[in-house]
PDB file of N, CA and C in Angstrom:
ATOM      1  N   UNK A   1    -196.098 -84.761 -25.590  1.00  0.00           N
ATOM      2  CA  UNK A   1    -197.402 -84.427 -26.066  1.00  0.00           C
ATOM      3  C   UNK A   1    -197.724 -82.989 -25.696  1.00  0.00           C
ATOM      4  N   UNK A   2    -198.221 -82.288 -26.687  1.00  0.00           N
ATOM      5  CA  UNK A   2    -198.526 -80.870 -26.502  1.00  0.00           C
ATOM      6  C   UNK A   2    -200.015 -80.682 -26.338  1.00  0.00           C
ATOM      7  N   UNK A   3    -200.363 -79.846 -25.409  1.00  0.00           N
ATOM      8  CA  UNK A   3    -201.788 -79.626 -25.178  1.00  0.00           C
ATOM      9  C   UNK A   3    -202.149 -78.182 -25.512  1.00  0.00           C
ATOM     10  N   UNK A   4    -203.189 -78.028 -26.285  1.00  0.00           N
ATOM     11  CA  UNK A   4    -203.643 -76.686 -26.651  1.00  0.00           C
ATOM     12  C   UNK A   4    -205.049 -76.485 -26.119  1.00  0.00           C
ATOM     13  N   UNK A   5    -205.304 -75.260 -25.632  1.00  0.00           N
ATOM     14  CA  UNK A   5    -206.649 -74.937 -25.152  1.00  0.00           C
ATOM     15  C   UNK A   5    -207.585 -74.651 -26.302  1.00  0.00           C
ATOM     16  N   UNK A   6    -208.823 -74.978 -26.089  1.00  0.00           N
ATOM     17  CA  UNK A   6    -209.801 -74.746 -27.142  1.00  0.00           C
ATOM     18  C   UNK A   6    -210.306 -73.308 -27.091  1.00  0.00           C
ATOM     19  N   UNK A   7    -210.448 -72.677 -28.265  1.00  0.00           N
ATOM     20  CA  UNK A   7    -211.024 -71.347 -28.370  1.00  0.00           C
ATOM     21  C   UNK A   7    -210.132 -70.229 -27.851  1.00  0.00           C
ATOM     22  N   UNK A   8    -208.916 -70.511 -27.543  1.00  0.00           N
ATOM     23  CA  UNK A   8    -208.015 -69.475 -27.041  1.00  0.00           C
ATOM     24  C   UNK A   8    -207.132 -69.026 -28.194  1.00  0.00           C
ATOM     25  N   UNK A   9    -207.150 -67.720 -28.446  1.00  0.00           N
ATOM     26  CA  UNK A   9    -206.327 -67.174 -29.523  1.00  0.00           C
ATOM     27  C   UNK A   9    -205.219 -66.314 -28.935  1.00  0.00           C
ATOM     28  N   UNK A  10    -204.157 -66.283 -29.638  1.00  0.00           N
ATOM     29  CA  UNK A  10    -203.055 -65.420 -29.211  1.00  0.00           C
ATOM     30  C   UNK A  10    -203.442 -63.962 -29.480  1.00  0.00           C
ATOM     31  N   UNK A  11    -203.078 -63.061 -28.577  1.00  0.00           N
ATOM     32  CA  UNK A  11    -203.382 -61.637 -28.754  1.00  0.00           C
ATOM     33  C   UNK A  11    -202.420 -61.048 -29.783  1.00  0.00           C
ATOM     34  N   UNK A  12    -202.991 -60.334 -30.744  1.00  0.00           N
ATOM     35  CA  UNK A  12    -202.183 -59.666 -31.759  1.00  0.00           C
ATOM     36  C   UNK A  12    -202.678 -58.237 -31.906  1.00  0.00           C
ATOM     37  N   UNK A  13    -201.966 -57.478 -32.698  1.00  0.00           N
ATOM     38  CA  UNK A  13    -202.323 -56.082 -32.942  1.00  0.00           C
ATOM     39  C   UNK A  13    -203.044 -55.910 -34.273  1.00  0.00           C
ATOM     40  N   UNK A  14    -203.720 -56.914 -34.728  1.00  0.00           N
ATOM     41  CA  UNK A  14    -204.456 -56.791 -35.981  1.00  0.00           C
ATOM     42  C   UNK A  14    -205.527 -55.719 -35.827  1.00  0.00           C
ATOM     43  N   UNK A  15    -205.592 -54.790 -36.798  1.00  0.00           N
ATOM     44  CA  UNK A  15    -206.585 -53.716 -36.750  1.00  0.00           C
ATOM     45  C   UNK A  15    -206.063 -52.451 -36.087  1.00  0.00           C
ATOM     46  N   UNK A  16    -204.880 -52.498 -35.526  1.00  0.00           N
ATOM     47  CA  UNK A  16    -204.309 -51.315 -34.874  1.00  0.00           C
ATOM     48  C   UNK A  16    -204.023 -50.194 -35.862  1.00  0.00           C
ATOM     49  N   UNK A  17    -203.620 -50.546 -37.065  1.00  0.00           N
ATOM     50  CA  UNK A  17    -203.340 -49.529 -38.084  1.00  0.00           C
ATOM     51  C   UNK A  17    -204.618 -48.816 -38.508  1.00  0.00           C
ATOM     52  N   UNK A  18    -205.725 -49.531 -38.519  1.00  0.00           N
ATOM     53  CA  UNK A  18    -207.008 -48.912 -38.876  1.00  0.00           C
ATOM     54  C   UNK A  18    -207.396 -47.859 -37.853  1.00  0.00           C
ATOM     55  N   UNK A  19    -207.240 -48.180 -36.601  1.00  0.00           N
ATOM     56  CA  UNK A  19    -207.563 -47.223 -35.538  1.00  0.00           C
ATOM     57  C   UNK A  19    -206.662 -46.001 -35.639  1.00  0.00           C
ATOM     58  N   UNK A  20    -205.378 -46.214 -35.882  1.00  0.00           N
ATOM     59  CA  UNK A  20    -204.443 -45.096 -36.015  1.00  0.00           C
ATOM     60  C   UNK A  20    -204.787 -44.237 -37.230  1.00  0.00           C
ATOM     61  N   UNK A  21    -205.171 -44.871 -38.337  1.00  0.00           N
ATOM     62  CA  UNK A  21    -205.532 -44.121 -39.541  1.00  0.00           C
ATOM     63  C   UNK A  21    -206.787 -43.284 -39.314  1.00  0.00           C
ATOM     64  N   UNK A  22    -207.777 -43.836 -38.642  1.00  0.00           N
ATOM     65  CA  UNK A  22    -209.006 -43.087 -38.349  1.00  0.00           C
ATOM     66  C   UNK A  22    -208.697 -41.911 -37.426  1.00  0.00           C
ATOM     67  N   UNK A  23    -207.835 -42.120 -36.443  1.00  0.00           N
ATOM     68  CA  UNK A  23    -207.450 -41.034 -35.537  1.00  0.00           C
ATOM     69  C   UNK A  23    -206.721 -39.925 -36.292  1.00  0.00           C
ATOM     70  N   UNK A  24    -205.830 -40.300 -37.201  1.00  0.00           N
ATOM     71  CA  UNK A  24    -205.109 -39.301 -38.002  1.00  0.00           C
ATOM     72  C   UNK A  24    -206.056 -38.524 -38.907  1.00  0.00           C
ATOM     73  N   UNK A  25    -207.008 -39.206 -39.517  1.00  0.00           N
ATOM     74  CA  UNK A  25    -207.987 -38.522 -40.365  1.00  0.00           C
ATOM     75  C   UNK A  25    -208.846 -37.565 -39.549  1.00  0.00           C
ATOM     76  N   UNK A  26    -209.224 -37.973 -38.358  1.00  0.00           N
ATOM     77  CA  UNK A  26    -209.992 -37.083 -37.485  1.00  0.00           C
ATOM     78  C   UNK A  26    -209.200 -35.844 -37.111  1.00  0.00           C
ATOM     79  N   UNK A  27    -207.924 -36.028 -36.828  1.00  0.00           N
ATOM     80  CA  UNK A  27    -207.060 -34.899 -36.493  1.00  0.00           C
ATOM     81  C   UNK A  27    -206.898 -33.963 -37.688  1.00  0.00           C
ATOM     82  N   UNK A  28    -206.713 -34.527 -38.874  1.00  0.00           N
ATOM     83  CA  UNK A  28    -206.608 -33.703 -40.079  1.00  0.00           C
ATOM     84  C   UNK A  28    -207.892 -32.915 -40.330  1.00  0.00           C
ATOM     85  N   UNK A  29    -209.030 -33.532 -40.096  1.00  0.00           N
ATOM     86  CA  UNK A  29    -210.305 -32.845 -40.266  1.00  0.00           C
ATOM     87  C   UNK A  29    -210.430 -31.689 -39.282  1.00  0.00           C
ATOM     88  N   UNK A  30    -210.040 -31.910 -38.054  1.00  0.00           N
ATOM     89  CA  UNK A  30    -210.093 -30.868 -37.033  1.00  0.00           C
ATOM     90  C   UNK A  30    -209.171 -29.699 -37.379  1.00  0.00           C
ATOM     91  N   UNK A  31    -207.965 -29.997 -37.830  1.00  0.00           N
ATOM     92  CA  UNK A  31    -207.026 -28.944 -38.229  1.00  0.00           C
ATOM     93  C   UNK A  31    -207.573 -28.180 -39.434  1.00  0.00           C
ATOM     94  N   UNK A  32    -208.167 -28.883 -40.382  1.00  0.00           N
ATOM     95  CA  UNK A  32    -208.760 -28.222 -41.543  1.00  0.00           C
ATOM     96  C   UNK A  32    -209.891 -27.283 -41.162  1.00  0.00           C
ATOM     97  N   UNK A  33    -210.742 -27.711 -40.246  1.00  0.00           N
ATOM     98  CA  UNK A  33    -211.823 -26.836 -39.781  1.00  0.00           C
ATOM     99  C   UNK A  33    -211.274 -25.604 -39.077  1.00  0.00           C
ATOM    100  N   UNK A  34    -210.260 -25.790 -38.257  1.00  0.00           N
ATOM    101  CA  UNK A  34    -209.663 -24.654 -37.546  1.00  0.00           C
ATOM    102  C   UNK A  34    -209.037 -23.667 -38.528  1.00  0.00           C
ATOM    103  N   UNK A  35    -208.331 -24.172 -39.527  1.00  0.00           N
ATOM    104  CA  UNK A  35    -207.738 -23.287 -40.531  1.00  0.00           C
ATOM    105  C   UNK A  35    -208.811 -22.561 -41.332  1.00  0.00           C
ATOM    106  N   UNK A  36    -209.913 -23.228 -41.612  1.00  0.00           N
ATOM    107  CA  UNK A  36    -211.022 -22.572 -42.302  1.00  0.00           C
ATOM    108  C   UNK A  36    -211.612 -21.437 -41.481  1.00  0.00           C
ATOM    109  N   UNK A  37    -211.738 -21.642 -40.180  1.00  0.00           N
ATOM    110  CA  UNK A  37    -212.251 -20.588 -39.292  1.00  0.00           C
ATOM    111  C   UNK A  37    -211.309 -19.389 -39.258  1.00  0.00           C
ATOM    112  N   UNK A  38    -210.023 -19.659 -39.156  1.00  0.00           N
ATOM    113  CA  UNK A  38    -209.047 -18.567 -39.125  1.00  0.00           C
ATOM    114  C   UNK A  38    -209.060 -17.811 -40.451  1.00  0.00           C
ATOM    115  N   UNK A  39    -209.135 -18.528 -41.550  1.00  0.00           N
ATOM    116  CA  UNK A  39    -209.201 -17.884 -42.860  1.00  0.00           C
ATOM    117  C   UNK A  39    -210.442 -17.028 -43.024  1.00  0.00           C
ATOM    118  N   UNK A  40    -211.581 -17.519 -42.556  1.00  0.00           N
ATOM    119  CA  UNK A  40    -212.821 -16.741 -42.641  1.00  0.00           C
ATOM    120  C   UNK A  40    -212.734 -15.492 -41.780  1.00  0.00           C
ATOM    121  N   UNK A  41    -212.084 -15.606 -40.609  1.00  0.00           N
ATOM    122  CA  UNK A  41    -211.939 -14.444 -39.737  1.00  0.00           C
ATOM    123  C   UNK A  41    -211.053 -13.389 -40.392  1.00  0.00           C
ATOM    124  N   UNK A  42    -209.943 -13.813 -41.010  1.00  0.00           N
ATOM    125  CA  UNK A  42    -209.067 -12.859 -41.688  1.00  0.00           C
ATOM    126  C   UNK A  42    -209.783 -12.189 -42.861  1.00  0.00           C
ATOM    127  N   UNK A  43    -210.569 -12.937 -43.610  1.00  0.00           N
ATOM    128  CA  UNK A  43    -211.313 -12.356 -44.727  1.00  0.00           C
ATOM    129  C   UNK A  43    -212.334 -11.336 -44.229  1.00  0.00           C
ATOM    130  N   UNK A  44    -213.032 -11.647 -43.143  1.00  0.00           N
ATOM    131  CA  UNK A  44    -214.002 -10.704 -42.582  1.00  0.00           C
ATOM    132  C   UNK A  44    -213.301  -9.467 -42.037  1.00  0.00           C
ATOM    133  N   UNK A  45    -212.136  -9.648 -41.436  1.00  0.00           N
ATOM    134  CA  UNK A  45    -211.378  -8.509 -40.917  1.00  0.00           C
ATOM    135  C   UNK A  45    -210.950  -7.589 -42.058  1.00  0.00           C
ATOM    136  N   UNK A  46    -210.506  -8.170 -43.145  1.00  0.00           N
ATOM    137  CA  UNK A  46    -210.122  -7.376 -44.319  1.00  0.00           C
ATOM    138  C   UNK A  46    -211.342  -6.656 -44.898  1.00  0.00           C
ATOM    139  N   UNK A  47    -212.482  -7.337 -44.928  1.00  0.00           N
ATOM    140  CA  UNK A  47    -213.701  -6.735 -45.471  1.00  0.00           C
ATOM    141  C   UNK A  47    -214.161  -5.550 -44.622  1.00  0.00           C
ATOM    142  N   UNK A  48    -214.113  -5.673 -43.299  1.00  0.00           N
ATOM    143  CA  UNK A  48    -214.577  -4.576 -42.446  1.00  0.00           C
ATOM    144  C   UNK A  48    -213.625  -3.385 -42.542  1.00  0.00           C
ATOM    145  N   UNK A  49    -212.336  -3.636 -42.689  1.00  0.00           N
ATOM    146  CA  UNK A  49    -211.395  -2.517 -42.850  1.00  0.00           C
ATOM    147  C   UNK A  49    -211.615  -1.808 -44.181  1.00  0.00           C
ATOM    148  N   UNK A  50    -211.846  -2.568 -45.239  1.00  0.00           N
ATOM    149  CA  UNK A  50    -212.106  -1.960 -46.545  1.00  0.00           C
ATOM    150  C   UNK A  50    -213.407  -1.168 -46.523  1.00  0.00           C
ATOM    151  N   UNK A  51    -214.438  -1.710 -45.874  1.00  0.00           N
ATOM    152  CA  UNK A  51    -215.716  -0.999 -45.784  1.00  0.00           C
ATOM    153  C   UNK A  51    -215.554   0.303 -45.015  1.00  0.00           C
ATOM    154  N   UNK A  52    -214.759   0.295 -43.948  1.00  0.00           N
ATOM    155  CA  UNK A  52    -214.523   1.520 -43.178  1.00  0.00           C
ATOM    156  C   UNK A  52    -213.780   2.549 -44.022  1.00  0.00           C
ATOM    157  N   UNK A  53    -212.755   2.121 -44.730  1.00  0.00           N
ATOM    158  CA  UNK A  53    -211.995   3.044 -45.574  1.00  0.00           C
ATOM    159  C   UNK A  53    -212.875   3.662 -46.654  1.00  0.00           C
ATOM    160  N   UNK A  54    -213.649   2.827 -47.331  1.00  0.00           N
ATOM    161  CA  UNK A  54    -214.502   3.332 -48.408  1.00  0.00           C
ATOM    162  C   UNK A  54    -215.607   4.242 -47.882  1.00  0.00           C
ATOM    163  N   UNK A  55    -216.184   3.900 -46.733  1.00  0.00           N
ATOM    164  CA  UNK A  55    -217.231   4.745 -46.155  1.00  0.00           C
ATOM    165  C   UNK A  55    -216.669   6.096 -45.748  1.00  0.00           C
ATOM    166  N   UNK A  56    -215.475   6.116 -45.172  1.00  0.00           N
ATOM    167  CA  UNK A  56    -214.858   7.388 -44.784  1.00  0.00           C
ATOM    168  C   UNK A  56    -214.536   8.235 -46.009  1.00  0.00           C
ATOM    169  N   UNK A  57    -214.024   7.606 -47.052  1.00  0.00           N
ATOM    170  CA  UNK A  57    -213.734   8.349 -48.280  1.00  0.00           C
ATOM    171  C   UNK A  57    -215.003   8.908 -48.914  1.00  0.00           C
ATOM    172  N   UNK A  58    -216.058   8.112 -48.930  1.00  0.00           N
ATOM    173  CA  UNK A  58    -217.327   8.589 -49.492  1.00  0.00           C
ATOM    174  C   UNK A  58    -217.883   9.735 -48.657  1.00  0.00           C
ATOM    175  N   UNK A  59    -217.789   9.610 -47.335  1.00  0.00           N
ATOM    176  CA  UNK A  59    -218.254  10.688 -46.470  1.00  0.00           C
ATOM    177  C   UNK A  59    -217.452  11.956 -46.659  1.00  0.00           C
ATOM    178  N   UNK A  60    -216.137  11.828 -46.801  1.00  0.00           N
ATOM    179  CA  UNK A  60    -215.289  13.000 -47.016  1.00  0.00           C
ATOM    180  C   UNK A  60    -215.578  13.646 -48.362  1.00  0.00           C
ATOM    181  N   UNK A  61    -215.952  12.842 -49.340  1.00  0.00           N
ATOM    182  CA  UNK A  61    -216.300  13.391 -50.648  1.00  0.00           C
ATOM    183  C   UNK A  61    -217.611  14.146 -50.635  1.00  0.00           C
ATOM    184  N   UNK A  62    -218.453  13.860 -49.670  1.00  0.00           N
ATOM    185  CA  UNK A  62    -219.758  14.526 -49.564  1.00  0.00           C
ATOM    186  C   UNK A  62    -219.823  15.387 -48.308  1.00  0.00           C
ATOM    187  N   UNK A  63    -218.669  15.931 -47.872  1.00  0.00           N
ATOM    188  CA  UNK A  63    -218.620  16.647 -46.598  1.00  0.00           C
ATOM    189  C   UNK A  63    -219.498  17.896 -46.593  1.00  0.00           C
ATOM    190  N   UNK A  64    -219.764  18.491 -47.741  1.00  0.00           N
ATOM    191  CA  UNK A  64    -220.615  19.686 -47.785  1.00  0.00           C
ATOM    192  C   UNK A  64    -222.090  19.330 -47.872  1.00  0.00           C
ATOM    193  N   UNK A  65    -222.423  18.083 -48.163  1.00  0.00           N
ATOM    194  CA  UNK A  65    -223.829  17.665 -48.277  1.00  0.00           C
ATOM    195  C   UNK A  65    -224.214  16.849 -47.045  1.00  0.00           C
ATOM    196  N   UNK A  66    -224.351  15.538 -47.192  1.00  0.00           N
ATOM    197  CA  UNK A  66    -224.724  14.633 -46.096  1.00  0.00           C
ATOM    198  C   UNK A  66    -223.651  13.549 -45.973  1.00  0.00           C
ATOM    199  N   UNK A  67    -222.530  13.850 -45.324  1.00  0.00           N
ATOM    200  CA  UNK A  67    -221.427  12.881 -45.306  1.00  0.00           C
ATOM    201  C   UNK A  67    -221.765  11.580 -44.590  1.00  0.00           C
ATOM    202  N   UNK A  68    -222.495  11.659 -43.493  1.00  0.00           N
ATOM    203  CA  UNK A  68    -222.801  10.431 -42.750  1.00  0.00           C
ATOM    204  C   UNK A  68    -223.813   9.562 -43.499  1.00  0.00           C
ATOM    205  N   UNK A  69    -224.744  10.184 -44.198  1.00  0.00           N
ATOM    206  CA  UNK A  69    -225.691   9.422 -45.013  1.00  0.00           C
ATOM    207  C   UNK A  69    -224.985   8.702 -46.149  1.00  0.00           C
ATOM    208  N   UNK A  70    -224.046   9.393 -46.777  1.00  0.00           N
ATOM    209  CA  UNK A  70    -223.286   8.778 -47.868  1.00  0.00           C
ATOM    210  C   UNK A  70    -222.396   7.653 -47.337  1.00  0.00           C
ATOM    211  N   UNK A  71    -221.777   7.879 -46.170  1.00  0.00           N
ATOM    212  CA  UNK A  71    -220.929   6.842 -45.565  1.00  0.00           C
ATOM    213  C   UNK A  71    -221.754   5.610 -45.212  1.00  0.00           C
ATOM    214  N   UNK A  72    -222.970   5.820 -44.722  1.00  0.00           N
ATOM    215  CA  UNK A  72    -223.842   4.690 -44.378  1.00  0.00           C
ATOM    216  C   UNK A  72    -224.220   3.885 -45.613  1.00  0.00           C
ATOM    217  N   UNK A  73    -224.515   4.581 -46.717  1.00  0.00           N
ATOM    218  CA  UNK A  73    -224.849   3.888 -47.968  1.00  0.00           C
ATOM    219  C   UNK A  73    -223.680   3.025 -48.453  1.00  0.00           C
ATOM    220  N   UNK A  74    -222.490   3.592 -48.420  1.00  0.00           N
ATOM    221  CA  UNK A  74    -221.316   2.864 -48.911  1.00  0.00           C
ATOM    222  C   UNK A  74    -220.969   1.696 -47.984  1.00  0.00           C
ATOM    223  N   UNK A  75    -221.089   1.896 -46.677  1.00  0.00           N
ATOM    224  CA  UNK A  75    -220.826   0.794 -45.742  1.00  0.00           C
ATOM    225  C   UNK A  75    -221.801  -0.352 -45.996  1.00  0.00           C
ATOM    226  N   UNK A  76    -223.079  -0.034 -46.191  1.00  0.00           N
ATOM    227  CA  UNK A  76    -224.076  -1.064 -46.473  1.00  0.00           C
ATOM    228  C   UNK A  76    -223.809  -1.780 -47.782  1.00  0.00           C
ATOM    229  N   UNK A  77    -223.335  -1.044 -48.779  1.00  0.00           N
ATOM    230  CA  UNK A  77    -223.010  -1.657 -50.069  1.00  0.00           C
ATOM    231  C   UNK A  77    -221.851  -2.644 -49.951  1.00  0.00           C
ATOM    232  N   UNK A  78    -221.042  -2.482 -48.918  1.00  0.00           N
ATOM    233  CA  UNK A  78    -219.892  -3.364 -48.705  1.00  0.00           C
ATOM    234  C   UNK A  78    -220.150  -4.412 -47.633  1.00  0.00           C
ATOM    235  N   UNK A  79    -221.411  -4.623 -47.282  1.00  0.00           N
ATOM    236  CA  UNK A  79    -221.767  -5.684 -46.350  1.00  0.00           C
ATOM    237  C   UNK A  79    -221.561  -5.350 -44.888  1.00  0.00           C
ATOM    238  N   UNK A  80    -221.339  -4.076 -44.567  1.00  0.00           N
ATOM    239  CA  UNK A  80    -221.130  -3.662 -43.175  1.00  0.00           C
ATOM    240  C   UNK A  80    -222.231  -2.678 -42.790  1.00  0.00           C
ATOM    241  N   UNK A  81    -222.246  -2.314 -41.514  1.00  0.00           N
ATOM    242  CA  UNK A  81    -223.202  -1.295 -41.071  1.00  0.00           C
ATOM    243  C   UNK A  81    -222.438  -0.187 -40.364  1.00  0.00           C
ATOM    244  N   UNK A  82    -222.914   1.029 -40.540  1.00  0.00           N
ATOM    245  CA  UNK A  82    -222.280   2.191 -39.932  1.00  0.00           C
ATOM    246  C   UNK A  82    -222.659   2.245 -38.461  1.00  0.00           C
ATOM    247  N   UNK A  83    -221.666   2.216 -37.580  1.00  0.00           N
ATOM    248  CA  UNK A  83    -221.909   2.278 -36.140  1.00  0.00           C
ATOM    249  C   UNK A  83    -221.824   3.706 -35.622  1.00  0.00           C
ATOM    250  N   UNK A  84    -220.891   4.483 -36.167  1.00  0.00           N
ATOM    251  CA  UNK A  84    -220.800   5.894 -35.785  1.00  0.00           C
ATOM    252  C   UNK A  84    -220.143   6.677 -36.905  1.00  0.00           C
ATOM    253  N   UNK A  85    -220.473   7.959 -36.929  1.00  0.00           N
ATOM    254  CA  UNK A  85    -219.942   8.857 -37.946  1.00  0.00           C
ATOM    255  C   UNK A  85    -219.778  10.224 -37.301  1.00  0.00           C
ATOM    256  N   UNK A  86    -218.615  10.824 -37.478  1.00  0.00           N
ATOM    257  CA  UNK A  86    -218.361  12.154 -36.921  1.00  0.00           C
ATOM    258  C   UNK A  86    -217.652  12.999 -37.964  1.00  0.00           C
ATOM    259  N   UNK A  87    -218.145  14.210 -38.141  1.00  0.00           N
ATOM    260  CA  UNK A  87    -217.512  15.162 -39.046  1.00  0.00           C
ATOM    261  C   UNK A  87    -216.588  16.033 -38.201  1.00  0.00           C
ATOM    262  N   UNK A  88    -215.319  16.024 -38.552  1.00  0.00           N
ATOM    263  CA  UNK A  88    -214.302  16.786 -37.823  1.00  0.00           C
ATOM    264  C   UNK A  88    -213.689  17.798 -38.781  1.00  0.00           C
ATOM    265  N   UNK A  89    -214.296  18.975 -38.850  1.00  0.00           N
ATOM    266  CA  UNK A  89    -213.859  19.968 -39.832  1.00  0.00           C
ATOM    267  C   UNK A  89    -214.269  19.508 -41.217  1.00  0.00           C
ATOM    268  N   UNK A  90    -213.263  19.262 -42.069  1.00  0.00           N
ATOM    269  CA  UNK A  90    -213.552  18.746 -43.412  1.00  0.00           C
ATOM    270  C   UNK A  90    -213.239  17.255 -43.517  1.00  0.00           C
ATOM    271  N   UNK A  91    -212.951  16.631 -42.390  1.00  0.00           N
ATOM    272  CA  UNK A  91    -212.656  15.195 -42.361  1.00  0.00           C
ATOM    273  C   UNK A  91    -213.842  14.435 -41.763  1.00  0.00           C
ATOM    274  N   UNK A  92    -213.925  13.178 -42.102  1.00  0.00           N
ATOM    275  CA  UNK A  92    -215.005  12.316 -41.605  1.00  0.00           C
ATOM    276  C   UNK A  92    -214.374  11.081 -40.967  1.00  0.00           C
ATOM    277  N   UNK A  93    -214.793  10.791 -39.734  1.00  0.00           N
ATOM    278  CA  UNK A  93    -214.336   9.590 -39.025  1.00  0.00           C
ATOM    279  C   UNK A  93    -215.533   8.648 -38.905  1.00  0.00           C
ATOM    280  N   UNK A  94    -215.356   7.404 -39.342  1.00  0.00           N
ATOM    281  CA  UNK A  94    -216.440   6.423 -39.281  1.00  0.00           C
ATOM    282  C   UNK A  94    -215.980   5.174 -38.542  1.00  0.00           C
ATOM    283  N   UNK A  95    -216.943   4.508 -37.935  1.00  0.00           N
ATOM    284  CA  UNK A  95    -216.746   3.182 -37.348  1.00  0.00           C
ATOM    285  C   UNK A  95    -217.824   2.294 -37.949  1.00  0.00           C
ATOM    286  N   UNK A  96    -217.412   1.198 -38.560  1.00  0.00           N
ATOM    287  CA  UNK A  96    -218.362   0.262 -39.158  1.00  0.00           C
ATOM    288  C   UNK A  96    -218.223  -1.089 -38.473  1.00  0.00           C
ATOM    289  N   UNK A  97    -219.285  -1.874 -38.524  1.00  0.00           N
ATOM    290  CA  UNK A  97    -219.290  -3.200 -37.917  1.00  0.00           C
ATOM    291  C   UNK A  97    -219.734  -4.256 -38.907  1.00  0.00           C
ATOM    292  N   UNK A  98    -219.286  -5.469 -38.655  1.00  0.00           N
ATOM    293  CA  UNK A  98    -219.596  -6.608 -39.518  1.00  0.00           C
ATOM    294  C   UNK A  98    -219.597  -7.859 -38.653  1.00  0.00           C
ATOM    295  N   UNK A  99    -220.599  -8.714 -38.827  1.00  0.00           N
ATOM    296  CA  UNK A  99    -220.629  -9.985 -38.101  1.00  0.00           C
ATOM    297  C   UNK A  99    -219.701 -10.973 -38.795  1.00  0.00           C
ATOM    298  N   UNK A 100    -218.705 -11.442 -38.067  1.00  0.00           N
ATOM    299  CA  UNK A 100    -217.755 -12.406 -38.621  1.00  0.00           C
ATOM    300  C   UNK A 100    -218.417 -13.776 -38.676  1.00  0.00           C
ATOM    301  N   UNK A 101    -218.358 -14.446 -39.815  1.00  0.00           N
ATOM    302  CA  UNK A 101    -218.967 -15.774 -39.913  1.00  0.00           C
ATOM    303  C   UNK A 101    -218.178 -16.792 -39.098  1.00  0.00           C
ATOM    304  N   UNK A 102    -218.886 -17.726 -38.517  1.00  0.00           N
ATOM    305  CA  UNK A 102    -218.224 -18.781 -37.756  1.00  0.00           C
ATOM    306  C   UNK A 102    -219.070 -20.043 -37.800  1.00  0.00           C
ATOM    307  N   UNK A 103    -218.409 -21.186 -37.800  1.00  0.00           N
ATOM    308  CA  UNK A 103    -219.118 -22.462 -37.772  1.00  0.00           C
ATOM    309  C   UNK A 103    -219.043 -23.098 -36.394  1.00  0.00           C
ATOM    310  N   UNK A 104    -218.117 -22.637 -35.585  1.00  0.00           N
ATOM    311  CA  UNK A 104    -217.847 -23.303 -34.319  1.00  0.00           C
ATOM    312  C   UNK A 104    -218.429 -22.594 -33.102  1.00  0.00           C
ATOM    313  N   UNK A 105    -219.138 -21.513 -33.287  1.00  0.00           N
ATOM    314  CA  UNK A 105    -219.681 -20.791 -32.138  1.00  0.00           C
ATOM    315  C   UNK A 105    -220.487 -19.593 -32.595  1.00  0.00           C
ATOM    316  N   UNK A 106    -220.832 -18.722 -31.658  1.00  0.00           N
ATOM    317  CA  UNK A 106    -221.629 -17.548 -32.022  1.00  0.00           C
ATOM    318  C   UNK A 106    -220.809 -16.569 -32.864  1.00  0.00           C
ATOM    319  N   UNK A 107    -221.508 -15.802 -33.688  1.00  0.00           N
ATOM    320  CA  UNK A 107    -220.841 -14.809 -34.531  1.00  0.00           C
ATOM    321  C   UNK A 107    -220.279 -13.689 -33.659  1.00  0.00           C
ATOM    322  N   UNK A 108    -219.143 -13.180 -34.047  1.00  0.00           N
ATOM    323  CA  UNK A 108    -218.511 -12.072 -33.344  1.00  0.00           C
ATOM    324  C   UNK A 108    -218.553 -10.839 -34.235  1.00  0.00           C
ATOM    325  N   UNK A 109    -218.786  -9.690 -33.632  1.00  0.00           N
ATOM    326  CA  UNK A 109    -218.797  -8.462 -34.414  1.00  0.00           C
ATOM    327  C   UNK A 109    -217.383  -7.904 -34.512  1.00  0.00           C
ATOM    328  N   UNK A 110    -216.966  -7.664 -35.738  1.00  0.00           N
ATOM    329  CA  UNK A 110    -215.692  -7.009 -35.992  1.00  0.00           C
ATOM    330  C   UNK A 110    -215.980  -5.555 -36.306  1.00  0.00           C
ATOM    331  N   UNK A 111    -215.124  -4.658 -35.862  1.00  0.00           N
ATOM    332  CA  UNK A 111    -215.304  -3.241 -36.162  1.00  0.00           C
ATOM    333  C   UNK A 111    -214.065  -2.710 -36.855  1.00  0.00           C
ATOM    334  N   UNK A 112    -214.294  -1.698 -37.670  1.00  0.00           N
ATOM    335  CA  UNK A 112    -213.203  -1.021 -38.352  1.00  0.00           C
ATOM    336  C   UNK A 112    -213.418   0.475 -38.263  1.00  0.00           C
ATOM    337  N   UNK A 113    -212.348   1.218 -38.067  1.00  0.00           N
ATOM    338  CA  UNK A 113    -212.401   2.669 -37.947  1.00  0.00           C
ATOM    339  C   UNK A 113    -211.537   3.275 -39.035  1.00  0.00           C
ATOM    340  N   UNK A 114    -212.022   4.379 -39.616  1.00  0.00           N
ATOM    341  CA  UNK A 114    -211.243   5.067 -40.640  1.00  0.00           C
ATOM    342  C   UNK A 114    -211.518   6.560 -40.563  1.00  0.00           C
ATOM    343  N   UNK A 115    -210.533   7.325 -40.968  1.00  0.00           N
ATOM    344  CA  UNK A 115    -210.620   8.777 -41.019  1.00  0.00           C
ATOM    345  C   UNK A 115    -210.190   9.206 -42.403  1.00  0.00           C
ATOM    346  N   UNK A 116    -210.995  10.049 -43.043  1.00  0.00           N
ATOM    347  CA  UNK A 116    -210.652  10.534 -44.375  1.00  0.00           C
ATOM    348  C   UNK A 116    -210.999  12.012 -44.467  1.00  0.00           C
ATOM    349  N   UNK A 117    -210.184  12.715 -45.192  1.00  0.00           N
ATOM    350  CA  UNK A 117    -210.403  14.144 -45.404  1.00  0.00           C
ATOM    351  C   UNK A 117    -209.328  14.674 -46.329  1.00  0.00           C
ATOM    352  N   UNK A 118    -209.351  15.967 -46.561  1.00  0.00           N
ATOM    353  CA  UNK A 118    -208.330  16.545 -47.441  1.00  0.00           C
ATOM    354  C   UNK A 118    -206.946  16.423 -46.811  1.00  0.00           C
ATOM    355  N   UNK A 119    -205.991  16.102 -47.643  1.00  0.00           N
ATOM    356  CA  UNK A 119    -204.645  15.830 -47.169  1.00  0.00           C
ATOM    357  C   UNK A 119    -203.869  17.041 -46.886  1.00  0.00           C
TER     358      UNK A 119
END
């Protein structure tokens, strides 16, 4: 004669795959967010470098008038702000700044430097 206990179930791993799937989806979401942050940082870095180059070229083109004013206008048109401007002979050196977008923390300022003048 076999005796079985009442209300006692054998332990199984039912539902274990669900937990593993949720963990994998969470990990994929985290990796996706991290890649998005890195991509946004690279795009902002490219933007600040382009703004610096264009501002320096605009300033060098207006070296006999108001080069720093022209560089500031062009930097602003490209979403950056002019941090410094120096006229070195017929060349113009600029430093521009841009707040890098971020979802995971405070914004960081990226800077770009460029020098332009007659070759």
